[in-house]
Amino acid sequence: MPAPGRCYRYFPAALEKETLRHLLVGRQELLESLFDEADRAFASRTPRFFLLVGSRGAGKSHLMSLLCRRIRDELSGRVIPVNLAGEEYSIFRASDFFLRVLAGMGVETADVAALGEDSLVREAAVEKITASAGERQVVVFVENIHEVFSQMERREVRALRSVFQRTDNLSVIASAPSLFPGVLDHEEPFYNFFRVFHLRELDCAESKDLMQRVAEVDGDTAFIENFRDYEPGIEALWHLIGGNPGLVVRLYEILSQCGAGKVAEAFFRLADEQTPYYREVFRKLPGQRRLILDTILAAETPLTPKDVAERARLNLATVNAQLRRLEADGYVVSRPMKKRTTYEARDRLFRLWRAMRQPAGRDRVFALIGFLEAWHEHPAAVDTTHRGAPGVMEGEALLDRIAAGRREEALAALQEAEGQTDDPDRSVRLALDLAGEELLAGNRADGLSLIRQAYAHAGRLDPATARRMTAGFLKRLARKREVSAVGSAVREIIASGGAGYEGFLKPVADAVAIVEAKDTRLYYTRLQPEERAVVAGIVRAITGSEELGVGG
């Protein structure tokens, strides 16, 4: 591990090589694959053109910086790596591009630039690159190549490709946030030119690993020592923001400042920080495209083109054309399902940011956060006498005593708790434990009656405590693989628990609906991306299999 220093989120090239290596999570195999293929290609003097595709913060700059350094350190006898600036604002002609390459090689360009006529400058620059490289290959690293192409006229882009096609010593490793029209459209010069590598999101375990590694680099020993306290919140928020490395690092920084348990505050701060970027996205889009994207972002479920057309009051043909462009630009993603295709936002945090701007949307987001906090809470130590036990239906507790034939003892404990008006916590726990046993035994009426009894007292509890107890109760039922028991319990809790439980338990209700219908299409017609993995996990818990998982 490198010595503690500082992790730069927007400038990985400023970090030491060992720090970059230490912070590389979930990309090691891709780095090895890219290096090995480049090595073989350069040895045979065969140009390579790679395009790394990943959303803002996906780690493209990090990966490219490591790859460039490794090529420089290990292949310097055969390769000259040239790393262009992360943002090239002055490349408007092919000649500008090749002059930048020469400058990156450390070669004087004044004599070439003085030739005047642009075509002469371009050809002289290419010849000088070849002469200066000698027997070595030149590999050019270009970040955000879509912006470079957008600054150039089409004839200049065509001239750029012409040079690449007729030279055998120039390779390009580029990045872009999505597959843009310059490489997607059939009529464009670089159509089907690059070999594309998509950077996947980090899974939850990788996201937690990255946070700890950044904390090590930052020297944040408190975060590392107390990491178990942070884990439930991290696991909850991972479902909302996904595994984008840039967002994961920023979430670590916010949690480190806020402290463990501040899940809603951390999420709101993270979403609020994206405001300038998301506003700029809207500002850049033309009117109809902006309206269509906003319609999709504001919806509670994914939408079909017909849905979008009706809500935006636009012609269906226009909507279809604009949706194709929004998908090419990386703002939305389509989900074909036989005769039905739905569209949703590619960036789940973008959708949640938009939802937070409306009272109803904000309520939905905070209900989901509350559920995730309760569902992912780690069980505490259990008092097996069931007096003051911290979690309902955890450990041996009441249900195991019932299973051991001591049901009368459990009922007596509940009656005793009912008489203790100053201890609603114990009354709720006991009632839910007994309700679970009755439901699992097929005694539906008795089970539902006990749930009503439990939630008659739940209003006297701290809301967070009531949510944790509810989640623990339903998790225990789900592990018993009895969908009918889970479904009955959810419906009764919503009916008995009062306002707020319908939104809080929506993920469990959705999971029950998918299991009962045995229809995985509901993942893509009823649920937004941030809900999908949550519901799939509950479905997996209820069924004990992956058969009804996402994409199943």
Protein backbone atom coordinates (compact mmCIF):
# COMPACT_ATOMS: atom_id res chain seq x y z
CA MET A 1 0.00 0.00 0.00
CA PRO A 2 1.35 3.48 -0.82
CA ALA A 3 2.05 5.98 1.93
CA PRO A 4 -0.95 8.16 2.86
CA GLY A 5 -1.28 11.21 0.64
CA ARG A 6 -4.26 12.58 -1.20
CA CYS A 7 -6.71 11.08 -3.69
CA TYR A 8 -7.41 13.46 -6.58
CA ARG A 9 -10.86 12.73 -8.00
CA TYR A 10 -10.48 14.72 -11.22
CA PHE A 11 -6.74 14.52 -11.83
CA PRO A 12 -5.50 10.90 -11.53
CA ALA A 13 -2.42 11.74 -13.62
CA ALA A 14 -1.14 13.72 -10.61
CA LEU A 15 -1.03 10.57 -8.45
CA GLU A 16 1.95 8.28 -8.06
CA LYS A 17 1.86 5.06 -10.04
CA GLU A 18 1.64 2.91 -6.89
CA THR A 19 -1.28 4.97 -5.63
CA LEU A 20 -3.07 4.57 -8.95
CA ARG A 21 -2.52 0.82 -8.78
CA HIS A 22 -3.78 0.67 -5.20
CA LEU A 23 -6.95 2.53 -6.15
CA LEU A 24 -7.72 0.39 -9.20
CA VAL A 25 -10.74 -1.73 -8.25
CA GLY A 26 -12.76 -3.88 -10.63
CA ARG A 27 -10.60 -2.97 -13.63
CA GLN A 28 -7.49 -5.12 -13.10
CA GLU A 29 -8.38 -7.77 -15.69
CA LEU A 30 -9.27 -5.11 -18.27
CA LEU A 31 -5.95 -3.33 -17.68
CA GLU A 32 -4.02 -6.57 -18.20
CA SER A 33 -6.02 -7.40 -21.33
CA LEU A 34 -5.47 -3.96 -22.88
CA PHE A 35 -1.75 -4.01 -22.11
CA ASP A 36 -1.21 -7.55 -23.43
CA GLU A 37 -3.05 -6.87 -26.67
CA ALA A 38 -1.22 -3.57 -27.17
CA ASP A 39 2.09 -5.30 -26.52
CA ARG A 40 1.43 -7.96 -29.16
CA ALA A 41 0.18 -5.41 -31.67
CA PHE A 42 3.15 -3.08 -31.25
CA ALA A 43 5.58 -5.99 -31.57
CA SER A 44 4.11 -6.80 -34.98
CA ARG A 45 3.81 -3.12 -35.96
CA THR A 46 0.04 -3.42 -36.18
CA PRO A 47 -1.89 -0.26 -35.18
CA ARG A 48 -4.63 -0.56 -32.60
CA PHE A 49 -7.62 1.74 -32.01
CA PHE A 50 -9.34 1.24 -28.67
CA LEU A 51 -12.32 3.18 -27.27
CA LEU A 52 -13.08 2.98 -23.55
CA VAL A 53 -16.73 3.80 -22.90
CA GLY A 54 -18.07 4.69 -19.48
CA SER A 55 -20.17 7.41 -17.89
CA ARG A 56 -18.70 10.42 -16.15
CA GLY A 57 -16.74 9.14 -13.15
CA ALA A 58 -16.52 5.56 -14.45
CA GLY A 59 -12.73 5.52 -14.10
CA LYS A 60 -11.68 6.02 -17.72
CA SER A 61 -8.98 8.57 -16.89
CA HIS A 62 -7.65 6.39 -14.09
CA LEU A 63 -7.39 3.34 -16.34
CA MET A 64 -5.85 5.25 -19.24
CA SER A 65 -3.30 6.90 -16.96
CA LEU A 66 -2.19 3.52 -15.61
CA LEU A 67 -2.04 1.99 -19.08
CA CYS A 68 -0.02 4.92 -20.44
CA ARG A 69 2.48 4.69 -17.58
CA ARG A 70 2.84 0.95 -17.92
CA ILE A 71 3.50 1.20 -21.66
CA ARG A 72 6.03 3.96 -21.00
CA ASP A 73 7.80 1.94 -18.29
CA GLU A 74 7.75 -1.52 -19.86
CA LEU A 75 7.66 -0.96 -23.63
CA SER A 76 9.74 2.19 -24.06
CA GLY A 77 12.12 0.44 -26.46
CA ARG A 78 9.28 -0.16 -28.93
CA VAL A 79 6.59 2.40 -28.12
CA ILE A 80 6.28 6.15 -27.55
CA PRO A 81 3.15 6.92 -25.52
CA VAL A 82 1.71 10.41 -26.03
CA ASN A 83 -0.86 11.54 -23.49
CA LEU A 84 -2.95 14.46 -24.78
CA ALA A 85 -4.59 16.79 -22.30
CA GLY A 86 -7.80 15.55 -20.64
CA GLU A 87 -9.68 18.39 -22.32
CA GLU A 88 -8.40 19.48 -25.74
CA TYR A 89 -10.16 22.75 -26.54
CA SER A 90 -8.05 23.83 -29.53
CA ILE A 91 -8.11 20.85 -31.88
CA PHE A 92 -10.28 21.97 -34.79
CA ARG A 93 -8.28 20.42 -37.66
CA ALA A 94 -6.47 17.16 -38.29
CA SER A 95 -3.28 19.21 -38.46
CA ASP A 96 -3.94 20.47 -34.90
CA PHE A 97 -4.17 16.88 -33.72
CA PHE A 98 -0.83 15.84 -35.23
CA LEU A 99 0.91 18.98 -34.00
CA ARG A 100 -0.28 18.08 -30.49
CA VAL A 101 1.17 14.59 -30.95
CA LEU A 102 4.54 16.04 -31.99
CA ALA A 103 4.53 18.35 -28.97
CA GLY A 104 3.73 15.37 -26.73
CA MET A 105 6.74 13.55 -28.19
CA GLY A 106 8.90 16.51 -27.23
CA VAL A 107 9.56 17.50 -30.86
CA GLU A 108 9.76 21.15 -31.96
CA THR A 109 6.81 22.10 -34.17
CA ALA A 110 7.53 25.73 -35.15
CA ASP A 111 8.99 24.80 -38.55
CA VAL A 112 5.98 22.63 -39.40
CA ALA A 113 3.41 25.20 -38.25
CA ALA A 114 5.22 27.88 -40.33
CA LEU A 115 4.35 26.10 -43.61
CA GLY A 116 1.06 28.00 -43.67
CA GLU A 117 -1.26 25.96 -45.86
CA ASP A 118 -3.12 23.52 -43.64
CA SER A 119 -2.77 20.44 -45.85
CA LEU A 120 1.01 20.98 -45.96
CA VAL A 121 1.13 21.38 -42.17
CA ARG A 122 -0.83 18.16 -41.72
CA GLU A 123 1.34 16.07 -44.04
CA ALA A 124 4.59 17.54 -42.69
CA ALA A 125 3.47 16.82 -39.12
CA VAL A 126 2.70 13.18 -39.98
CA GLU A 127 6.08 12.79 -41.72
CA LYS A 128 7.89 14.29 -38.75
CA ILE A 129 6.08 11.95 -36.35
CA THR A 130 7.29 8.98 -38.40
CA ALA A 131 10.84 10.31 -38.65
CA SER A 132 11.05 11.12 -34.94
CA ALA A 133 9.63 7.75 -33.88
CA GLY A 134 12.06 5.74 -36.03
CA GLU A 135 11.32 2.05 -35.51
CA ARG A 136 9.05 2.70 -32.57
CA GLN A 137 5.26 2.84 -32.55
CA VAL A 138 3.40 5.94 -31.38
CA VAL A 139 0.28 5.40 -29.27
CA VAL A 140 -1.85 8.48 -28.60
CA PHE A 141 -4.09 8.62 -25.52
CA VAL A 142 -7.12 10.85 -26.16
CA GLU A 143 -9.69 11.46 -23.44
CA ASN A 144 -13.19 12.59 -24.41
CA ILE A 145 -12.61 11.98 -28.09
CA HIS A 146 -16.26 12.77 -28.78
CA GLU A 147 -15.52 16.39 -27.90
CA VAL A 148 -12.53 16.45 -30.25
CA PHE A 149 -14.71 15.15 -33.09
CA SER A 150 -17.48 17.65 -32.30
CA GLN A 151 -15.00 20.53 -32.69
CA MET A 152 -13.87 19.36 -36.14
CA GLU A 153 -15.65 19.69 -39.45
CA ARG A 154 -16.48 16.41 -41.10
CA ARG A 155 -13.80 16.82 -43.77
CA GLU A 156 -11.21 17.21 -41.00
CA VAL A 157 -12.43 14.05 -39.26
CA ARG A 158 -12.20 12.29 -42.63
CA ALA A 159 -8.63 13.56 -43.07
CA LEU A 160 -7.77 12.23 -39.60
CA ARG A 161 -9.03 8.77 -40.46
CA SER A 162 -7.22 8.85 -43.81
CA VAL A 163 -3.89 9.32 -42.02
CA PHE A 164 -4.61 6.50 -39.58
CA GLN A 165 -5.48 4.17 -42.46
CA ARG A 166 -2.29 4.75 -44.44
CA THR A 167 0.23 4.77 -41.61
CA ASP A 168 1.35 1.73 -39.65
CA ASN A 169 3.01 3.44 -36.69
CA LEU A 170 0.08 5.36 -35.17
CA SER A 171 -2.35 3.86 -32.63
CA VAL A 172 -5.04 5.56 -30.56
CA ILE A 173 -6.48 4.67 -27.17
CA ALA A 174 -9.45 6.95 -26.55
CA SER A 175 -12.32 7.41 -24.14
CA ALA A 176 -15.89 8.72 -24.30
CA PRO A 177 -18.87 8.69 -21.93
CA SER A 178 -21.01 6.81 -24.45
CA LEU A 179 -21.07 5.53 -28.00
CA PHE A 180 -21.60 8.83 -29.79
CA PRO A 181 -22.85 9.47 -33.36
CA GLY A 182 -19.28 9.95 -34.65
CA VAL A 183 -18.64 6.23 -34.20
CA LEU A 184 -22.23 4.93 -34.41
CA ASP A 185 -23.64 6.48 -37.59
CA HIS A 186 -22.97 4.55 -40.79
CA GLU A 187 -22.09 7.66 -42.77
CA GLU A 188 -19.47 8.91 -40.29
CA PRO A 189 -15.74 8.42 -41.12
CA PHE A 190 -15.02 6.56 -37.87
CA TYR A 191 -18.00 4.22 -38.04
CA ASN A 192 -16.94 0.75 -36.82
CA PHE A 193 -13.33 1.96 -36.57
CA PHE A 194 -12.60 1.53 -32.85
CA ARG A 195 -12.66 -1.63 -30.80
CA VAL A 196 -14.97 -0.73 -27.93
CA PHE A 197 -14.51 -1.66 -24.26
CA HIS A 198 -17.37 -0.82 -21.89
CA LEU A 199 -16.45 -0.06 -18.28
CA ARG A 200 -18.94 -1.77 -16.00
CA GLU A 201 -20.07 -0.38 -12.68
CA LEU A 202 -18.53 -1.73 -9.48
CA ASP A 203 -20.60 -4.16 -7.49
CA CYS A 204 -21.35 -3.44 -3.83
CA ALA A 205 -18.34 -5.36 -2.46
CA GLU A 206 -16.01 -3.59 -4.90
CA SER A 207 -17.50 -0.23 -3.97
CA LYS A 208 -16.81 -0.86 -0.30
CA ASP A 209 -13.29 -2.00 -1.16
CA LEU A 210 -12.66 1.21 -3.11
CA MET A 211 -13.89 3.35 -0.22
CA GLN A 212 -11.49 1.67 2.17
CA ARG A 213 -8.59 2.04 -0.25
CA VAL A 214 -9.27 5.75 -0.69
CA ALA A 215 -9.47 6.11 3.09
CA GLU A 216 -6.04 4.44 3.33
CA VAL A 217 -4.58 6.86 0.80
CA ASP A 218 -6.18 9.78 2.65
CA GLY A 219 -4.94 8.48 5.99
CA ASP A 220 -8.51 8.37 7.33
CA THR A 221 -7.95 5.80 10.09
CA ALA A 222 -11.26 6.59 11.83
CA PHE A 223 -13.26 5.58 8.76
CA ILE A 224 -11.29 2.34 8.40
CA GLU A 225 -11.53 1.41 12.09
CA ASN A 226 -15.27 2.08 12.20
CA PHE A 227 -16.05 0.71 8.74
CA ARG A 228 -18.54 -1.87 10.02
CA ASP A 229 -20.67 0.98 11.36
CA TYR A 230 -20.70 2.56 7.89
CA GLU A 231 -21.45 -0.65 5.96
CA PRO A 232 -25.28 -0.72 6.27
CA GLY A 233 -25.51 2.85 4.99
CA ILE A 234 -23.09 2.14 2.16
CA GLU A 235 -25.03 -0.95 1.14
CA ALA A 236 -28.27 1.04 1.20
CA LEU A 237 -26.90 3.95 -0.84
CA TRP A 238 -25.18 1.68 -3.35
CA HIS A 239 -28.61 0.73 -4.67
CA LEU A 240 -29.40 4.40 -5.25
CA ILE A 241 -26.20 5.67 -6.82
CA GLY A 242 -24.83 2.47 -8.34
CA GLY A 243 -21.17 1.53 -8.61
CA ASN A 244 -19.83 4.55 -10.46
CA PRO A 245 -16.28 4.89 -8.98
CA GLY A 246 -16.38 8.69 -9.00
CA LEU A 247 -19.64 8.75 -7.03
CA VAL A 248 -18.41 5.99 -4.72
CA VAL A 249 -15.32 8.05 -3.83
CA ARG A 250 -17.41 11.17 -3.25
CA LEU A 251 -19.85 9.18 -1.10
CA TYR A 252 -16.93 8.02 1.05
CA GLU A 253 -15.86 11.65 1.53
CA ILE A 254 -19.37 12.73 2.53
CA LEU A 255 -19.92 9.79 4.90
CA SER A 256 -16.54 10.39 6.47
CA GLN A 257 -17.64 13.96 7.22
CA CYS A 258 -21.24 13.17 8.26
CA GLY A 259 -20.52 10.05 10.29
CA ALA A 260 -22.11 6.60 10.22
CA GLY A 261 -25.91 6.48 10.18
CA LYS A 262 -26.42 9.74 8.29
CA VAL A 263 -27.68 7.95 5.20
CA ALA A 264 -30.39 10.37 4.06
CA GLU A 265 -28.17 13.39 4.69
CA ALA A 266 -25.29 11.81 2.75
CA PHE A 267 -27.54 11.00 -0.19
CA PHE A 268 -29.06 14.46 -0.31
CA ARG A 269 -25.64 16.11 -0.24
CA LEU A 270 -24.36 13.85 -3.01
CA ALA A 271 -27.41 14.47 -5.19
CA ASP A 272 -27.33 18.20 -4.53
CA GLU A 273 -23.69 18.41 -5.66
CA GLN A 274 -24.67 17.10 -9.09
CA THR A 275 -27.00 20.08 -9.68
CA PRO A 276 -24.63 22.16 -11.88
CA TYR A 277 -23.85 19.17 -14.10
CA TYR A 278 -27.47 18.07 -14.53
CA ARG A 279 -28.62 21.61 -15.23
CA GLU A 280 -25.93 21.86 -17.91
CA VAL A 281 -27.22 18.64 -19.48
CA PHE A 282 -30.69 20.16 -19.79
CA ARG A 283 -29.27 23.43 -21.07
CA LYS A 284 -27.39 21.74 -23.92
CA LEU A 285 -30.32 19.68 -25.17
CA PRO A 286 -32.66 21.12 -27.83
CA GLY A 287 -36.26 21.74 -26.78
CA GLN A 288 -38.04 18.53 -27.78
CA ARG A 289 -35.20 16.30 -26.60
CA ARG A 290 -35.11 18.15 -23.28
CA LEU A 291 -38.87 17.69 -22.84
CA ILE A 292 -38.66 13.96 -23.61
CA LEU A 293 -35.75 13.38 -21.24
CA ASP A 294 -37.50 15.30 -18.47
CA THR A 295 -40.66 13.28 -19.03
CA ILE A 296 -38.70 10.05 -18.57
CA LEU A 297 -36.81 11.36 -15.54
CA ALA A 298 -40.00 12.50 -13.79
CA ALA A 299 -41.90 9.23 -14.30
CA GLU A 300 -42.40 6.71 -11.48
CA THR A 301 -41.89 3.80 -13.91
CA PRO A 302 -40.08 3.25 -17.22
CA LEU A 303 -42.12 4.53 -20.17
CA THR A 304 -42.91 3.27 -23.66
CA PRO A 305 -42.61 5.71 -26.60
CA LYS A 306 -46.40 5.91 -26.63
CA ASP A 307 -46.40 6.84 -22.92
CA VAL A 308 -43.83 9.56 -23.58
CA ALA A 309 -45.76 10.91 -26.55
CA GLU A 310 -48.97 11.16 -24.52
CA ARG A 311 -47.34 12.80 -21.48
CA ALA A 312 -45.21 15.21 -23.51
CA ARG A 313 -47.99 15.86 -26.06
CA LEU A 314 -45.71 15.11 -29.00
CA ASN A 315 -46.06 13.14 -32.21
CA LEU A 316 -45.08 9.47 -31.74
CA ALA A 317 -42.73 9.49 -34.76
CA THR A 318 -40.95 12.53 -33.33
CA VAL A 319 -40.65 10.85 -29.94
CA ASN A 320 -39.16 7.70 -31.47
CA ALA A 321 -36.58 9.68 -33.42
CA GLN A 322 -35.57 11.77 -30.41
CA LEU A 323 -35.41 8.71 -28.14
CA ARG A 324 -32.94 7.08 -30.53
CA ARG A 325 -30.76 10.19 -30.33
CA LEU A 326 -31.01 10.37 -26.54
CA GLU A 327 -29.97 6.73 -26.34
CA ALA A 328 -27.03 7.30 -28.71
CA ASP A 329 -25.95 10.24 -26.55
CA GLY A 330 -26.03 8.06 -23.45
CA TYR A 331 -28.92 9.71 -21.59
CA VAL A 332 -31.50 6.91 -21.79
CA VAL A 333 -31.46 3.16 -22.26
CA SER A 334 -34.11 1.02 -23.98
CA ARG A 335 -35.46 -2.34 -22.78
CA PRO A 336 -37.08 -4.33 -25.64
CA MET A 337 -39.63 -6.91 -24.47
CA LYS A 338 -41.34 -8.65 -27.37
CA LYS A 339 -43.73 -6.02 -28.79
CA ARG A 340 -43.11 -3.56 -25.97
CA THR A 341 -40.03 -1.36 -25.47
CA THR A 342 -39.55 0.81 -22.40
CA TYR A 343 -37.12 3.67 -21.83
CA GLU A 344 -35.47 4.80 -18.61
CA ALA A 345 -32.64 7.11 -17.56
CA ARG A 346 -29.18 5.56 -17.86
CA ASP A 347 -27.90 7.59 -14.90
CA ARG A 348 -30.02 6.53 -11.93
CA LEU A 349 -28.78 9.42 -9.77
CA PHE A 350 -29.98 11.85 -12.47
CA ARG A 351 -33.49 10.45 -12.13
CA LEU A 352 -33.38 10.61 -8.35
CA TRP A 353 -32.03 14.17 -8.48
CA ARG A 354 -35.00 15.11 -10.66
CA ALA A 355 -37.44 13.32 -8.34
CA MET A 356 -36.09 15.23 -5.34
CA ARG A 357 -37.22 18.48 -7.00
CA GLN A 358 -40.88 17.50 -6.51
CA PRO A 359 -42.63 16.83 -3.15
CA ALA A 360 -44.11 13.48 -4.24
CA GLY A 361 -40.81 12.36 -5.73
CA ARG A 362 -38.93 13.42 -2.62
CA ASP A 363 -41.31 11.35 -0.48
CA ARG A 364 -40.69 8.29 -2.67
CA VAL A 365 -36.93 8.70 -2.48
CA PHE A 366 -36.87 9.06 1.30
CA ALA A 367 -39.25 6.11 1.70
CA LEU A 368 -36.83 3.98 -0.31
CA ILE A 369 -33.86 5.25 1.72
CA GLY A 370 -35.71 4.39 4.94
CA PHE A 371 -36.43 0.89 3.68
CA LEU A 372 -32.84 0.31 2.58
CA GLU A 373 -31.48 1.53 5.92
CA ALA A 374 -33.71 -0.90 7.81
CA TRP A 375 -33.28 -3.80 5.41
CA HIS A 376 -29.48 -3.62 5.34
CA GLU A 377 -28.97 -3.05 9.06
CA HIS A 378 -26.61 -5.63 10.52
CA PRO A 379 -28.17 -7.72 13.32
CA ALA A 380 -26.93 -6.90 16.78
CA ALA A 381 -26.17 -9.32 19.57
CA VAL A 382 -29.28 -11.14 20.74
CA ASP A 383 -30.68 -11.47 24.24
CA THR A 384 -31.95 -15.06 24.03
CA THR A 385 -34.27 -14.58 26.99
CA HIS A 386 -36.15 -12.23 24.67
CA ARG A 387 -36.13 -9.44 27.26
CA GLY A 388 -34.68 -6.31 25.71
CA ALA A 389 -33.64 -8.21 22.55
CA PRO A 390 -32.46 -5.66 19.96
CA GLY A 391 -34.01 -7.18 16.86
CA VAL A 392 -37.34 -8.83 16.18
CA MET A 393 -37.15 -12.44 14.99
CA GLU A 394 -33.36 -12.56 15.37
CA GLY A 395 -31.48 -15.40 17.05
CA GLU A 396 -33.17 -18.06 19.15
CA ALA A 397 -35.75 -15.76 20.71
CA LEU A 398 -39.45 -16.43 20.64
CA LEU A 399 -39.98 -18.43 17.46
CA ASP A 400 -37.45 -21.05 18.45
CA ARG A 401 -39.14 -21.44 21.79
CA ILE A 402 -42.44 -21.87 19.95
CA ALA A 403 -40.82 -24.45 17.64
CA ALA A 404 -39.61 -26.26 20.76
CA GLY A 405 -43.23 -26.63 21.88
CA ARG A 406 -43.36 -23.70 24.27
CA ARG A 407 -46.11 -21.73 22.51
CA GLU A 408 -48.05 -21.20 25.73
CA GLU A 409 -44.97 -19.62 27.27
CA ALA A 410 -44.77 -17.21 24.33
CA LEU A 411 -48.44 -16.26 24.61
CA ALA A 412 -48.01 -15.66 28.31
CA ALA A 413 -45.03 -13.41 27.57
CA LEU A 414 -47.16 -11.42 25.12
CA GLN A 415 -49.98 -11.03 27.65
CA GLU A 416 -47.45 -9.86 30.24
CA ALA A 417 -46.05 -7.31 27.76
CA GLU A 418 -49.55 -6.08 26.98
CA GLY A 419 -49.93 -5.11 30.60
CA GLN A 420 -46.74 -3.07 30.55
CA THR A 421 -48.01 0.09 28.93
CA ASP A 422 -44.61 1.73 29.30
CA ASP A 423 -42.92 -0.91 27.11
CA PRO A 424 -44.50 -0.80 23.60
CA ASP A 425 -41.20 -2.03 22.16
CA ARG A 426 -41.57 -5.42 23.80
CA SER A 427 -45.25 -5.68 22.92
CA VAL A 428 -44.55 -5.10 19.23
CA ARG A 429 -41.65 -7.56 19.15
CA LEU A 430 -43.60 -10.33 20.82
CA ALA A 431 -46.70 -9.79 18.68
CA LEU A 432 -44.69 -9.86 15.45
CA ASP A 433 -42.83 -13.00 16.46
CA LEU A 434 -46.08 -14.79 17.19
CA ALA A 435 -47.68 -13.41 14.03
CA GLY A 436 -44.86 -14.86 11.94
CA GLU A 437 -45.29 -18.28 13.49
CA GLU A 438 -49.05 -18.25 12.93
CA LEU A 439 -48.67 -17.22 9.29
CA LEU A 440 -46.05 -19.88 8.62
CA ALA A 441 -48.30 -22.49 10.25
CA GLY A 442 -51.14 -21.50 7.92
CA ASN A 443 -53.18 -19.77 10.62
CA ARG A 444 -53.73 -16.66 8.51
CA ALA A 445 -56.53 -15.08 10.58
CA ASP A 446 -54.59 -15.39 13.85
CA GLY A 447 -51.40 -14.11 12.22
CA LEU A 448 -53.08 -11.03 10.78
CA SER A 449 -54.80 -10.32 14.09
CA LEU A 450 -51.43 -10.35 15.84
CA ILE A 451 -50.02 -7.96 13.22
CA ARG A 452 -52.89 -5.57 13.91
CA GLN A 453 -52.14 -5.91 17.61
CA ALA A 454 -48.45 -5.13 16.99
CA TYR A 455 -49.12 -2.00 14.96
CA ALA A 456 -51.62 -0.71 17.49
CA HIS A 457 -48.51 -0.14 19.64
CA ALA A 458 -46.01 0.65 16.87
CA GLY A 459 -47.12 4.28 16.68
CA ARG A 460 -45.62 4.82 20.14
CA LEU A 461 -42.19 3.77 18.94
CA ASP A 462 -39.49 5.84 17.35
CA PRO A 463 -40.22 5.59 13.56
CA ALA A 464 -36.72 4.26 12.79
CA THR A 465 -37.16 1.54 15.42
CA ALA A 466 -40.56 0.56 14.01
CA ARG A 467 -39.07 0.35 10.51
CA ARG A 468 -36.19 -1.83 11.71
CA MET A 469 -38.57 -4.19 13.50
CA THR A 470 -40.81 -4.38 10.43
CA ALA A 471 -37.87 -5.15 8.15
CA GLY A 472 -36.55 -7.82 10.52
CA PHE A 473 -39.97 -9.45 10.70
CA LEU A 474 -40.35 -9.58 6.91
CA LYS A 475 -36.78 -10.78 6.35
CA ARG A 476 -37.43 -13.73 8.65
CA LEU A 477 -40.64 -14.59 6.80
CA ALA A 478 -38.88 -14.25 3.43
CA ARG A 479 -36.15 -16.70 4.49
CA LYS A 480 -38.87 -19.29 5.17
CA ARG A 481 -39.71 -19.23 1.40
CA GLU A 482 -43.44 -18.70 2.02
CA VAL A 483 -44.58 -16.05 -0.45
CA SER A 484 -48.19 -16.20 0.72
CA ALA A 485 -47.11 -15.44 4.30
CA VAL A 486 -44.94 -12.52 3.17
CA GLY A 487 -47.70 -11.15 0.95
CA SER A 488 -50.35 -11.38 3.66
CA ALA A 489 -48.03 -9.75 6.20
CA VAL A 490 -47.14 -6.85 3.90
CA ARG A 491 -50.73 -6.11 3.04
CA GLU A 492 -51.80 -6.18 6.70
CA ILE A 493 -48.90 -3.99 7.86
CA ILE A 494 -49.79 -1.41 5.21
CA ALA A 495 -53.43 -1.51 6.31
CA SER A 496 -52.65 -1.39 10.05
CA GLY A 497 -49.47 0.66 10.22
CA GLY A 498 -50.82 3.96 9.04
CA ALA A 499 -49.43 6.53 6.60
CA GLY A 500 -45.97 5.88 5.34
CA TYR A 501 -45.88 2.08 5.36
CA GLU A 502 -47.14 1.74 1.78
CA GLY A 503 -44.17 3.67 0.44
CA PHE A 504 -41.77 2.09 2.92
CA LEU A 505 -42.74 -1.48 1.99
CA LYS A 506 -43.11 -0.93 -1.76
CA PRO A 507 -39.99 -3.03 -2.56
CA VAL A 508 -41.37 -6.03 -0.66
CA ALA A 509 -44.82 -5.61 -2.22
CA ASP A 510 -43.21 -5.45 -5.69
CA ALA A 511 -41.19 -8.58 -4.96
CA VAL A 512 -44.32 -10.44 -3.90
CA ALA A 513 -46.09 -9.34 -7.09
CA ILE A 514 -43.25 -10.67 -9.25
CA VAL A 515 -43.14 -14.02 -7.42
CA GLU A 516 -46.91 -14.45 -7.48
CA ALA A 517 -47.15 -13.54 -11.18
CA LYS A 518 -43.89 -15.33 -12.10
CA ASP A 519 -43.33 -12.45 -14.51
CA THR A 520 -39.84 -10.91 -14.68
CA ARG A 521 -41.05 -8.29 -17.15
CA LEU A 522 -42.45 -6.44 -14.15
CA TYR A 523 -38.87 -5.45 -13.27
CA TYR A 524 -38.83 -3.30 -16.41
CA THR A 525 -42.43 -2.07 -16.48
CA ARG A 526 -42.99 -1.25 -12.79
CA LEU A 527 -39.54 -0.51 -11.38
CA GLN A 528 -36.89 2.10 -11.93
CA PRO A 529 -33.22 0.98 -11.99
CA GLU A 530 -32.52 1.88 -8.35
CA GLU A 531 -35.43 -0.34 -7.23
CA ARG A 532 -34.63 -3.30 -9.47
CA ALA A 533 -31.67 -4.81 -7.63
CA VAL A 534 -33.39 -4.26 -4.27
CA VAL A 535 -36.53 -6.08 -5.36
CA ALA A 536 -34.51 -8.83 -7.07
CA GLY A 537 -32.72 -9.50 -3.78
CA ILE A 538 -36.03 -9.85 -1.97
CA VAL A 539 -37.36 -12.14 -4.71
CA ARG A 540 -34.22 -14.25 -4.32
CA ALA A 541 -34.76 -14.44 -0.56
CA ILE A 542 -38.39 -15.52 -0.98
CA THR A 543 -37.80 -18.11 -3.72
CA GLY A 544 -34.31 -19.31 -2.80
CA SER A 545 -33.29 -19.21 -6.47
CA GLU A 546 -32.22 -16.93 -9.33
CA GLU A 547 -35.04 -18.11 -11.62
CA LEU A 548 -37.09 -14.94 -11.14
CA GLY A 549 -34.11 -12.59 -10.92
CA VAL A 550 -33.52 -9.56 -13.12
CA GLY A 551 -33.30 -10.78 -16.70
CA GLY A 552 -34.59 -14.17 -15.68
